[in-house]
Amino acid sequence: MVYNHVKEGIYMYSNEQVNNVSKYLKNKFLNGGINSIELVTTLMAMYRAEKLSEDDVVKIIVDVYMGNIKSAIKALHKTSILISDEDIDQILHNLEKKRPAPPEK
């Protein structure tokens, strides 16, 4: 599997994985399984966890909104009003504490 980027042992998702995330989130969104705030929050958490690049986030959100840039921007603004950067940072921090240590080589 080819990864987009490696940083300090953190692997960003490969193009194939990004495409799978995009398809999954699009399906969930279109079927009412997640709303716009949950979609954006998910993408921001993946970006903050260095699994997605900014370009990946843009690609996914444009795909989910089927090219409707105006609706994608509206979703980003709506989410930014409700969820702060600090909230996302705190969630990621708490998740990192729960992550099991990698096996020793």
PDB file of N, CA and C in Angstrom:
ATOM      1  N   MET A   1       0.846  -1.167   0.000  1.00  0.00           N
ATOM      2  CA  MET A   1       0.000   0.000   0.000  1.00  0.00           C
ATOM      3  C   MET A   1       0.894   1.234   0.000  1.00  0.00           C
ATOM      4  N   VAL A   2       0.577   2.188  -0.834  1.00  0.00           N
ATOM      5  CA  VAL A   2       1.351   3.422  -0.931  1.00  0.00           C
ATOM      6  C   VAL A   2       0.651   4.496  -0.116  1.00  0.00           C
ATOM      7  N   TYR A   3       1.382   5.062   0.845  1.00  0.00           N
ATOM      8  CA  TYR A   3       0.818   6.102   1.688  1.00  0.00           C
ATOM      9  C   TYR A   3       1.182   7.468   1.124  1.00  0.00           C
ATOM     10  N   ASN A   4       0.327   8.433   1.361  1.00  0.00           N
ATOM     11  CA  ASN A   4       0.549   9.784   0.858  1.00  0.00           C
ATOM     12  C   ASN A   4       1.712  10.467   1.555  1.00  0.00           C
ATOM     13  N   HIS A   5       1.903  10.187   2.842  1.00  0.00           N
ATOM     14  CA  HIS A   5       2.892  10.925   3.605  1.00  0.00           C
ATOM     15  C   HIS A   5       3.168  10.170   4.904  1.00  0.00           C
ATOM     16  N   VAL A   6       4.401  10.205   5.327  1.00  0.00           N
ATOM     17  CA  VAL A   6       4.760   9.594   6.606  1.00  0.00           C
ATOM     18  C   VAL A   6       5.412  10.669   7.464  1.00  0.00           C
ATOM     19  N   LYS A   7       4.953  10.796   8.710  1.00  0.00           N
ATOM     20  CA  LYS A   7       5.526  11.776   9.621  1.00  0.00           C
ATOM     21  C   LYS A   7       5.621  11.141  10.999  1.00  0.00           C
ATOM     22  N   GLU A   8       6.835  10.960  11.471  1.00  0.00           N
ATOM     23  CA  GLU A   8       7.071  10.424  12.810  1.00  0.00           C
ATOM     24  C   GLU A   8       6.251   9.161  13.082  1.00  0.00           C
ATOM     25  N   GLY A   9       6.235   8.254  12.134  1.00  0.00           N
ATOM     26  CA  GLY A   9       5.522   6.994  12.323  1.00  0.00           C
ATOM     27  C   GLY A   9       4.026   7.086  12.111  1.00  0.00           C
ATOM     28  N   ILE A  10       3.515   8.261  11.736  1.00  0.00           N
ATOM     29  CA  ILE A  10       2.091   8.425  11.458  1.00  0.00           C
ATOM     30  C   ILE A  10       1.912   8.357   9.943  1.00  0.00           C
ATOM     31  N   TYR A  11       1.083   7.455   9.502  1.00  0.00           N
ATOM     32  CA  TYR A  11       0.859   7.282   8.072  1.00  0.00           C
ATOM     33  C   TYR A  11      -0.442   7.958   7.665  1.00  0.00           C
ATOM     34  N   MET A  12      -0.335   8.861   6.703  1.00  0.00           N
ATOM     35  CA  MET A  12      -1.549   9.441   6.138  1.00  0.00           C
ATOM     36  C   MET A  12      -2.190   8.374   5.252  1.00  0.00           C
ATOM     37  N   TYR A  13      -3.484   8.489   5.067  1.00  0.00           N
ATOM     38  CA  TYR A  13      -4.194   7.513   4.253  1.00  0.00           C
ATOM     39  C   TYR A  13      -3.697   7.539   2.813  1.00  0.00           C
ATOM     40  N   SER A  14      -3.675   6.370   2.207  1.00  0.00           N
ATOM     41  CA  SER A  14      -3.324   6.250   0.799  1.00  0.00           C
ATOM     42  C   SER A  14      -4.483   6.801  -0.039  1.00  0.00           C
ATOM     43  N   ASN A  15      -4.252   6.995  -1.327  1.00  0.00           N
ATOM     44  CA  ASN A  15      -5.315   7.471  -2.214  1.00  0.00           C
ATOM     45  C   ASN A  15      -6.503   6.516  -2.203  1.00  0.00           C
ATOM     46  N   GLU A  16      -6.223   5.233  -2.166  1.00  0.00           N
ATOM     47  CA  GLU A  16      -7.296   4.238  -2.119  1.00  0.00           C
ATOM     48  C   GLU A  16      -8.117   4.383  -0.836  1.00  0.00           C
ATOM     49  N   GLN A  17      -7.437   4.575   0.279  1.00  0.00           N
ATOM     50  CA  GLN A  17      -8.136   4.748   1.551  1.00  0.00           C
ATOM     51  C   GLN A  17      -8.948   6.048   1.562  1.00  0.00           C
ATOM     52  N   VAL A  18      -8.395   7.112   1.007  1.00  0.00           N
ATOM     53  CA  VAL A  18      -9.125   8.380   0.917  1.00  0.00           C
ATOM     54  C   VAL A  18     -10.390   8.182   0.096  1.00  0.00           C
ATOM     55  N   ASN A  19     -10.273   7.477  -1.018  1.00  0.00           N
ATOM     56  CA  ASN A  19     -11.449   7.209  -1.852  1.00  0.00           C
ATOM     57  C   ASN A  19     -12.487   6.388  -1.098  1.00  0.00           C
ATOM     58  N   ASN A  20     -12.041   5.417  -0.317  1.00  0.00           N
ATOM     59  CA  ASN A  20     -12.974   4.603   0.470  1.00  0.00           C
ATOM     60  C   ASN A  20     -13.661   5.430   1.551  1.00  0.00           C
ATOM     61  N   VAL A  21     -12.910   6.304   2.212  1.00  0.00           N
ATOM     62  CA  VAL A  21     -13.502   7.191   3.214  1.00  0.00           C
ATOM     63  C   VAL A  21     -14.543   8.087   2.550  1.00  0.00           C
ATOM     64  N   SER A  22     -14.202   8.614   1.399  1.00  0.00           N
ATOM     65  CA  SER A  22     -15.118   9.489   0.670  1.00  0.00           C
ATOM     66  C   SER A  22     -16.419   8.766   0.320  1.00  0.00           C
ATOM     67  N   LYS A  23     -16.305   7.565  -0.222  1.00  0.00           N
ATOM     68  CA  LYS A  23     -17.497   6.786  -0.584  1.00  0.00           C
ATOM     69  C   LYS A  23     -18.346   6.470   0.642  1.00  0.00           C
ATOM     70  N   TYR A  24     -17.685   6.076   1.725  1.00  0.00           N
ATOM     71  CA  TYR A  24     -18.392   5.719   2.946  1.00  0.00           C
ATOM     72  C   TYR A  24     -19.152   6.919   3.512  1.00  0.00           C
ATOM     73  N   LEU A  25     -18.458   8.061   3.630  1.00  0.00           N
ATOM     74  CA  LEU A  25     -19.101   9.248   4.192  1.00  0.00           C
ATOM     75  C   LEU A  25     -20.197   9.782   3.283  1.00  0.00           C
ATOM     76  N   LYS A  26     -19.985   9.708   1.990  1.00  0.00           N
ATOM     77  CA  LYS A  26     -21.018  10.152   1.041  1.00  0.00           C
ATOM     78  C   LYS A  26     -22.271   9.299   1.196  1.00  0.00           C
ATOM     79  N   ASN A  27     -22.093   7.994   1.279  1.00  0.00           N
ATOM     80  CA  ASN A  27     -23.224   7.081   1.451  1.00  0.00           C
ATOM     81  C   ASN A  27     -23.956   7.370   2.765  1.00  0.00           C
ATOM     82  N   LYS A  28     -23.196   7.515   3.855  1.00  0.00           N
ATOM     83  CA  LYS A  28     -23.801   7.813   5.153  1.00  0.00           C
ATOM     84  C   LYS A  28     -24.561   9.139   5.111  1.00  0.00           C
ATOM     85  N   PHE A  29     -23.967  10.149   4.491  1.00  0.00           N
ATOM     86  CA  PHE A  29     -24.573  11.471   4.430  1.00  0.00           C
ATOM     87  C   PHE A  29     -25.848  11.452   3.582  1.00  0.00           C
ATOM     88  N   LEU A  30     -25.774  10.856   2.420  1.00  0.00           N
ATOM     89  CA  LEU A  30     -26.926  10.837   1.514  1.00  0.00           C
ATOM     90  C   LEU A  30     -28.078   9.996   2.057  1.00  0.00           C
ATOM     91  N   ASN A  31     -27.761   9.006   2.889  1.00  0.00           N
ATOM     92  CA  ASN A  31     -28.799   8.157   3.477  1.00  0.00           C
ATOM     93  C   ASN A  31     -29.258   8.648   4.851  1.00  0.00           C
ATOM     94  N   GLY A  32     -28.791   9.812   5.262  1.00  0.00           N
ATOM     95  CA  GLY A  32     -29.226  10.399   6.520  1.00  0.00           C
ATOM     96  C   GLY A  32     -28.552   9.822   7.753  1.00  0.00           C
ATOM     97  N   GLY A  33     -27.493   9.050   7.556  1.00  0.00           N
ATOM     98  CA  GLY A  33     -26.787   8.452   8.691  1.00  0.00           C
ATOM     99  C   GLY A  33     -25.941   9.445   9.462  1.00  0.00           C
ATOM    100  N   ILE A  34     -25.513  10.527   8.800  1.00  0.00           N
ATOM    101  CA  ILE A  34     -24.777  11.612   9.448  1.00  0.00           C
ATOM    102  C   ILE A  34     -25.270  12.931   8.870  1.00  0.00           C
ATOM    103  N   ASN A  35     -25.155  13.985   9.666  1.00  0.00           N
ATOM    104  CA  ASN A  35     -25.532  15.310   9.160  1.00  0.00           C
ATOM    105  C   ASN A  35     -24.272  16.089   8.789  1.00  0.00           C
ATOM    106  N   SER A  36     -24.459  17.319   8.335  1.00  0.00           N
ATOM    107  CA  SER A  36     -23.321  18.109   7.852  1.00  0.00           C
ATOM    108  C   SER A  36     -22.294  18.383   8.948  1.00  0.00           C
ATOM    109  N   ILE A  37     -22.751  18.612  10.176  1.00  0.00           N
ATOM    110  CA  ILE A  37     -21.819  18.883  11.280  1.00  0.00           C
ATOM    111  C   ILE A  37     -21.001  17.633  11.601  1.00  0.00           C
ATOM    112  N   GLU A  38     -21.649  16.483  11.625  1.00  0.00           N
ATOM    113  CA  GLU A  38     -20.931  15.227  11.882  1.00  0.00           C
ATOM    114  C   GLU A  38     -19.936  14.936  10.766  1.00  0.00           C
ATOM    115  N   LEU A  39     -20.305  15.228   9.537  1.00  0.00           N
ATOM    116  CA  LEU A  39     -19.410  15.025   8.397  1.00  0.00           C
ATOM    117  C   LEU A  39     -18.154  15.879   8.545  1.00  0.00           C
ATOM    118  N   VAL A  40     -18.346  17.171   8.749  1.00  0.00           N
ATOM    119  CA  VAL A  40     -17.206  18.086   8.849  1.00  0.00           C
ATOM    120  C   VAL A  40     -16.352  17.766  10.067  1.00  0.00           C
ATOM    121  N   THR A  41     -16.988  17.453  11.188  1.00  0.00           N
ATOM    122  CA  THR A  41     -16.246  17.114  12.401  1.00  0.00           C
ATOM    123  C   THR A  41     -15.385  15.869  12.172  1.00  0.00           C
ATOM    124  N   THR A  42     -15.938  14.884  11.503  1.00  0.00           N
ATOM    125  CA  THR A  42     -15.193  13.664  11.180  1.00  0.00           C
ATOM    126  C   THR A  42     -13.977  13.985  10.321  1.00  0.00           C
ATOM    127  N   LEU A  43     -14.188  14.786   9.291  1.00  0.00           N
ATOM    128  CA  LEU A  43     -13.084  15.145   8.397  1.00  0.00           C
ATOM    129  C   LEU A  43     -12.020  15.968   9.123  1.00  0.00           C
ATOM    130  N   MET A  44     -12.452  16.884   9.979  1.00  0.00           N
ATOM    131  CA  MET A  44     -11.488  17.703  10.722  1.00  0.00           C
ATOM    132  C   MET A  44     -10.681  16.858  11.703  1.00  0.00           C
ATOM    133  N   ALA A  45     -11.335  15.897  12.328  1.00  0.00           N
ATOM    134  CA  ALA A  45     -10.613  15.015  13.249  1.00  0.00           C
ATOM    135  C   ALA A  45      -9.588  14.178  12.487  1.00  0.00           C
ATOM    136  N   MET A  46      -9.948  13.696  11.317  1.00  0.00           N
ATOM    137  CA  MET A  46      -9.004  12.910  10.513  1.00  0.00           C
ATOM    138  C   MET A  46      -7.852  13.781  10.021  1.00  0.00           C
ATOM    139  N   TYR A  47      -8.150  15.029   9.710  1.00  0.00           N
ATOM    140  CA  TYR A  47      -7.110  15.968   9.298  1.00  0.00           C
ATOM    141  C   TYR A  47      -6.168  16.261  10.468  1.00  0.00           C
ATOM    142  N   ARG A  48      -6.734  16.539  11.629  1.00  0.00           N
ATOM    143  CA  ARG A  48      -5.934  16.842  12.813  1.00  0.00           C
ATOM    144  C   ARG A  48      -5.090  15.651  13.249  1.00  0.00           C
ATOM    145  N   ALA A  49      -5.606  14.443  13.008  1.00  0.00           N
ATOM    146  CA  ALA A  49      -4.866  13.232  13.353  1.00  0.00           C
ATOM    147  C   ALA A  49      -3.833  12.898  12.273  1.00  0.00           C
ATOM    148  N   GLU A  50      -3.724  13.758  11.290  1.00  0.00           N
ATOM    149  CA  GLU A  50      -2.777  13.627  10.179  1.00  0.00           C
ATOM    150  C   GLU A  50      -3.009  12.374   9.350  1.00  0.00           C
ATOM    151  N   LYS A  51      -4.264  12.009   9.209  1.00  0.00           N
ATOM    152  CA  LYS A  51      -4.643  10.902   8.323  1.00  0.00           C
ATOM    153  C   LYS A  51      -5.044  11.424   6.955  1.00  0.00           C
ATOM    154  N   LEU A  52      -5.550  12.657   6.919  1.00  0.00           N
ATOM    155  CA  LEU A  52      -5.946  13.306   5.671  1.00  0.00           C
ATOM    156  C   LEU A  52      -5.204  14.624   5.523  1.00  0.00           C
ATOM    157  N   SER A  53      -4.892  14.972   4.290  1.00  0.00           N
ATOM    158  CA  SER A  53      -4.318  16.291   4.004  1.00  0.00           C
ATOM    159  C   SER A  53      -5.467  17.274   3.770  1.00  0.00           C
ATOM    160  N   GLU A  54      -5.141  18.556   3.701  1.00  0.00           N
ATOM    161  CA  GLU A  54      -6.172  19.551   3.384  1.00  0.00           C
ATOM    162  C   GLU A  54      -6.799  19.240   2.034  1.00  0.00           C
ATOM    163  N   ASP A  55      -5.977  18.846   1.072  1.00  0.00           N
ATOM    164  CA  ASP A  55      -6.493  18.497  -0.252  1.00  0.00           C
ATOM    165  C   ASP A  55      -7.456  17.313  -0.186  1.00  0.00           C
ATOM    166  N   ASP A  56      -7.137  16.338   0.656  1.00  0.00           N
ATOM    167  CA  ASP A  56      -8.023  15.182   0.833  1.00  0.00           C
ATOM    168  C   ASP A  56      -9.374  15.617   1.395  1.00  0.00           C
ATOM    169  N   VAL A  57      -9.334  16.495   2.391  1.00  0.00           N
ATOM    170  CA  VAL A  57     -10.576  16.982   3.010  1.00  0.00           C
ATOM    171  C   VAL A  57     -11.423  17.689   1.963  1.00  0.00           C
ATOM    172  N   VAL A  58     -10.801  18.551   1.173  1.00  0.00           N
ATOM    173  CA  VAL A  58     -11.531  19.267   0.122  1.00  0.00           C
ATOM    174  C   VAL A  58     -12.116  18.277  -0.878  1.00  0.00           C
ATOM    175  N   LYS A  59     -11.312  17.326  -1.304  1.00  0.00           N
ATOM    176  CA  LYS A  59     -11.778  16.330  -2.271  1.00  0.00           C
ATOM    177  C   LYS A  59     -12.997  15.579  -1.735  1.00  0.00           C
ATOM    178  N   ILE A  60     -12.926  15.159  -0.482  1.00  0.00           N
ATOM    179  CA  ILE A  60     -14.018  14.377   0.109  1.00  0.00           C
ATOM    180  C   ILE A  60     -15.274  15.216   0.260  1.00  0.00           C
ATOM    181  N   ILE A  61     -15.128  16.428   0.785  1.00  0.00           N
ATOM    182  CA  ILE A  61     -16.327  17.241   1.009  1.00  0.00           C
ATOM    183  C   ILE A  61     -16.983  17.647  -0.312  1.00  0.00           C
ATOM    184  N   VAL A  62     -16.184  17.906  -1.329  1.00  0.00           N
ATOM    185  CA  VAL A  62     -16.738  18.217  -2.657  1.00  0.00           C
ATOM    186  C   VAL A  62     -17.456  16.990  -3.219  1.00  0.00           C
ATOM    187  N   ASP A  63     -16.881  15.814  -3.015  1.00  0.00           N
ATOM    188  CA  ASP A  63     -17.522  14.580  -3.478  1.00  0.00           C
ATOM    189  C   ASP A  63     -18.839  14.339  -2.750  1.00  0.00           C
ATOM    190  N   VAL A  64     -18.818  14.471  -1.430  1.00  0.00           N
ATOM    191  CA  VAL A  64     -20.035  14.240  -0.639  1.00  0.00           C
ATOM    192  C   VAL A  64     -21.137  15.205  -1.064  1.00  0.00           C
ATOM    193  N   TYR A  65     -20.779  16.447  -1.312  1.00  0.00           N
ATOM    194  CA  TYR A  65     -21.765  17.452  -1.736  1.00  0.00           C
ATOM    195  C   TYR A  65     -21.943  17.490  -3.252  1.00  0.00           C
ATOM    196  N   MET A  66     -21.437  16.482  -3.929  1.00  0.00           N
ATOM    197  CA  MET A  66     -21.597  16.310  -5.372  1.00  0.00           C
ATOM    198  C   MET A  66     -21.283  17.583  -6.161  1.00  0.00           C
ATOM    199  N   GLY A  67     -20.185  18.229  -5.777  1.00  0.00           N
ATOM    200  CA  GLY A  67     -19.715  19.412  -6.486  1.00  0.00           C
ATOM    201  C   GLY A  67     -20.411  20.700  -6.105  1.00  0.00           C
ATOM    202  N   ASN A  68     -21.345  20.656  -5.169  1.00  0.00           N
ATOM    203  CA  ASN A  68     -22.053  21.867  -4.733  1.00  0.00           C
ATOM    204  C   ASN A  68     -21.188  22.593  -3.696  1.00  0.00           C
ATOM    205  N   ILE A  69     -20.296  23.421  -4.202  1.00  0.00           N
ATOM    206  CA  ILE A  69     -19.317  24.115  -3.356  1.00  0.00           C
ATOM    207  C   ILE A  69     -20.020  25.029  -2.346  1.00  0.00           C
ATOM    208  N   LYS A  70     -21.089  25.679  -2.768  1.00  0.00           N
ATOM    209  CA  LYS A  70     -21.816  26.595  -1.879  1.00  0.00           C
ATOM    210  C   LYS A  70     -22.326  25.849  -0.646  1.00  0.00           C
ATOM    211  N   SER A  71     -22.883  24.654  -0.829  1.00  0.00           N
ATOM    212  CA  SER A  71     -23.383  23.865   0.303  1.00  0.00           C
ATOM    213  C   SER A  71     -22.240  23.362   1.174  1.00  0.00           C
ATOM    214  N   ALA A  72     -21.120  23.007   0.550  1.00  0.00           N
ATOM    215  CA  ALA A  72     -19.958  22.540   1.313  1.00  0.00           C
ATOM    216  C   ALA A  72     -19.425  23.659   2.202  1.00  0.00           C
ATOM    217  N   ILE A  73     -19.340  24.868   1.662  1.00  0.00           N
ATOM    218  CA  ILE A  73     -18.865  26.018   2.437  1.00  0.00           C
ATOM    219  C   ILE A  73     -19.835  26.313   3.574  1.00  0.00           C
ATOM    220  N   LYS A  74     -21.113  26.230   3.296  1.00  0.00           N
ATOM    221  CA  LYS A  74     -22.135  26.458   4.329  1.00  0.00           C
ATOM    222  C   LYS A  74     -21.972  25.455   5.476  1.00  0.00           C
ATOM    223  N   ALA A  75     -21.710  24.199   5.139  1.00  0.00           N
ATOM    224  CA  ALA A  75     -21.507  23.166   6.164  1.00  0.00           C
ATOM    225  C   ALA A  75     -20.273  23.468   7.008  1.00  0.00           C
ATOM    226  N   LEU A  76     -19.203  23.923   6.379  1.00  0.00           N
ATOM    227  CA  LEU A  76     -17.984  24.277   7.108  1.00  0.00           C
ATOM    228  C   LEU A  76     -18.233  25.454   8.051  1.00  0.00           C
ATOM    229  N   HIS A  77     -18.930  26.468   7.573  1.00  0.00           N
ATOM    230  CA  HIS A  77     -19.234  27.624   8.427  1.00  0.00           C
ATOM    231  C   HIS A  77     -20.120  27.220   9.596  1.00  0.00           C
ATOM    232  N   LYS A  78     -21.133  26.423   9.320  1.00  0.00           N
ATOM    233  CA  LYS A  78     -22.064  25.983  10.371  1.00  0.00           C
ATOM    234  C   LYS A  78     -21.316  25.216  11.459  1.00  0.00           C
ATOM    235  N   THR A  79     -20.436  24.338  11.051  1.00  0.00           N
ATOM    236  CA  THR A  79     -19.671  23.542  12.009  1.00  0.00           C
ATOM    237  C   THR A  79     -18.713  24.411  12.802  1.00  0.00           C
ATOM    238  N   SER A  80     -18.081  25.366  12.142  1.00  0.00           N
ATOM    239  CA  SER A  80     -17.105  26.221  12.839  1.00  0.00           C
ATOM    240  C   SER A  80     -17.765  27.075  13.917  1.00  0.00           C
ATOM    241  N   ILE A  81     -19.030  27.349  13.774  1.00  0.00           N
ATOM    242  CA  ILE A  81     -19.755  28.117  14.786  1.00  0.00           C
ATOM    243  C   ILE A  81     -20.031  27.257  16.023  1.00  0.00           C
ATOM    244  N   LEU A  82     -20.295  25.969  15.793  1.00  0.00           N
ATOM    245  CA  LEU A  82     -20.698  25.076  16.879  1.00  0.00           C
ATOM    246  C   LEU A  82     -19.549  24.356  17.567  1.00  0.00           C
ATOM    247  N   ILE A  83     -18.487  24.078  16.827  1.00  0.00           N
ATOM    248  CA  ILE A  83     -17.390  23.284  17.372  1.00  0.00           C
ATOM    249  C   ILE A  83     -16.086  24.052  17.194  1.00  0.00           C
ATOM    250  N   SER A  84     -15.408  24.295  18.297  1.00  0.00           N
ATOM    251  CA  SER A  84     -14.160  25.060  18.251  1.00  0.00           C
ATOM    252  C   SER A  84     -12.971  24.147  17.960  1.00  0.00           C
ATOM    253  N   ASP A  85     -11.884  24.770  17.564  1.00  0.00           N
ATOM    254  CA  ASP A  85     -10.634  24.032  17.370  1.00  0.00           C
ATOM    255  C   ASP A  85     -10.206  23.359  18.664  1.00  0.00           C
ATOM    256  N   GLU A  86     -10.443  24.035  19.777  1.00  0.00           N
ATOM    257  CA  GLU A  86     -10.056  23.482  21.070  1.00  0.00           C
ATOM    258  C   GLU A  86     -10.840  22.201  21.375  1.00  0.00           C
ATOM    259  N   ASP A  87     -12.115  22.176  20.990  1.00  0.00           N
ATOM    260  CA  ASP A  87     -12.925  20.968  21.201  1.00  0.00           C
ATOM    261  C   ASP A  87     -12.341  19.785  20.437  1.00  0.00           C
ATOM    262  N   ILE A  88     -12.010  20.015  19.186  1.00  0.00           N
ATOM    263  CA  ILE A  88     -11.436  18.947  18.369  1.00  0.00           C
ATOM    264  C   ILE A  88     -10.090  18.522  18.936  1.00  0.00           C
ATOM    265  N   ASP A  89      -9.264  19.496  19.340  1.00  0.00           N
ATOM    266  CA  ASP A  89      -7.959  19.172  19.936  1.00  0.00           C
ATOM    267  C   ASP A  89      -8.120  18.319  21.191  1.00  0.00           C
ATOM    268  N   GLN A  90      -9.094  18.655  22.029  1.00  0.00           N
ATOM    269  CA  GLN A  90      -9.316  17.909  23.264  1.00  0.00           C
ATOM    270  C   GLN A  90      -9.770  16.480  22.968  1.00  0.00           C
ATOM    271  N   ILE A  91     -10.646  16.320  22.008  1.00  0.00           N
ATOM    272  CA  ILE A  91     -11.108  14.978  21.628  1.00  0.00           C
ATOM    273  C   ILE A  91      -9.929  14.151  21.117  1.00  0.00           C
ATOM    274  N   LEU A  92      -9.119  14.744  20.256  1.00  0.00           N
ATOM    275  CA  LEU A  92      -7.954  14.025  19.728  1.00  0.00           C
ATOM    276  C   LEU A  92      -6.971  13.675  20.842  1.00  0.00           C
ATOM    277  N   HIS A  93      -6.764  14.592  21.756  1.00  0.00           N
ATOM    278  CA  HIS A  93      -5.869  14.341  22.890  1.00  0.00           C
ATOM    279  C   HIS A  93      -6.367  13.146  23.703  1.00  0.00           C
ATOM    280  N   ASN A  94      -7.664  13.129  23.987  1.00  0.00           N
ATOM    281  CA  ASN A  94      -8.237  12.028  24.758  1.00  0.00           C
ATOM    282  C   ASN A  94      -8.142  10.704  24.001  1.00  0.00           C
ATOM    283  N   LEU A  95      -8.305  10.753  22.704  1.00  0.00           N
ATOM    284  CA  LEU A  95      -8.177   9.529  21.903  1.00  0.00           C
ATOM    285  C   LEU A  95      -6.745   9.022  21.895  1.00  0.00           C
ATOM    286  N   GLU A  96      -5.801   9.950  21.774  1.00  0.00           N
ATOM    287  CA  GLU A  96      -4.391   9.560  21.764  1.00  0.00           C
ATOM    288  C   GLU A  96      -4.002   8.861  23.067  1.00  0.00           C
ATOM    289  N   LYS A  97      -4.566   9.301  24.191  1.00  0.00           N
ATOM    290  CA  LYS A  97      -4.265   8.676  25.470  1.00  0.00           C
ATOM    291  C   LYS A  97      -4.776   7.238  25.510  1.00  0.00           C
ATOM    292  N   LYS A  98      -5.823   6.946  24.767  1.00  0.00           N
ATOM    293  CA  LYS A  98      -6.413   5.619  24.769  1.00  0.00           C
ATOM    294  C   LYS A  98      -5.800   4.678  23.734  1.00  0.00           C
ATOM    295  N   ARG A  99      -4.997   5.263  22.811  1.00  0.00           N
ATOM    296  CA  ARG A  99      -4.379   4.455  21.752  1.00  0.00           C
ATOM    297  C   ARG A  99      -3.366   3.502  22.360  1.00  0.00           C
ATOM    298  N   PRO A 100      -3.452   2.218  22.002  1.00  0.00           N
ATOM    299  CA  PRO A 100      -2.456   1.277  22.530  1.00  0.00           C
ATOM    300  C   PRO A 100      -1.068   1.594  21.977  1.00  0.00           C
ATOM    301  N   ALA A 101      -0.087   1.314  22.796  1.00  0.00           N
ATOM    302  CA  ALA A 101       1.302   1.529  22.362  1.00  0.00           C
ATOM    303  C   ALA A 101       1.633   0.560  21.238  1.00  0.00           C
ATOM    304  N   PRO A 102       2.408   1.011  20.243  1.00  0.00           N
ATOM    305  CA  PRO A 102       2.790   0.091  19.174  1.00  0.00           C
ATOM    306  C   PRO A 102       3.684  -1.022  19.702  1.00  0.00           C
ATOM    307  N   PRO A 103       3.589  -2.181  19.100  1.00  0.00           N
ATOM    308  CA  PRO A 103       4.443  -3.295  19.569  1.00  0.00           C
ATOM    309  C   PRO A 103       5.912  -2.973  19.346  1.00  0.00           C
ATOM    310  N   GLU A 104       6.742  -3.407  20.260  1.00  0.00           N
ATOM    311  CA  GLU A 104       8.170  -3.187  20.131  1.00  0.00           C
ATOM    312  C   GLU A 104       8.740  -4.135  19.103  1.00  0.00           C
ATOM    313  N   LYS A 105       9.750  -3.652  18.388  1.00  0.00           N
ATOM    314  CA  LYS A 105      10.371  -4.473  17.327  1.00  0.00           C
ATOM    315  C   LYS A 105      11.520  -5.251  17.871  1.00  0.00           C
TER     316      LYS A 105
END
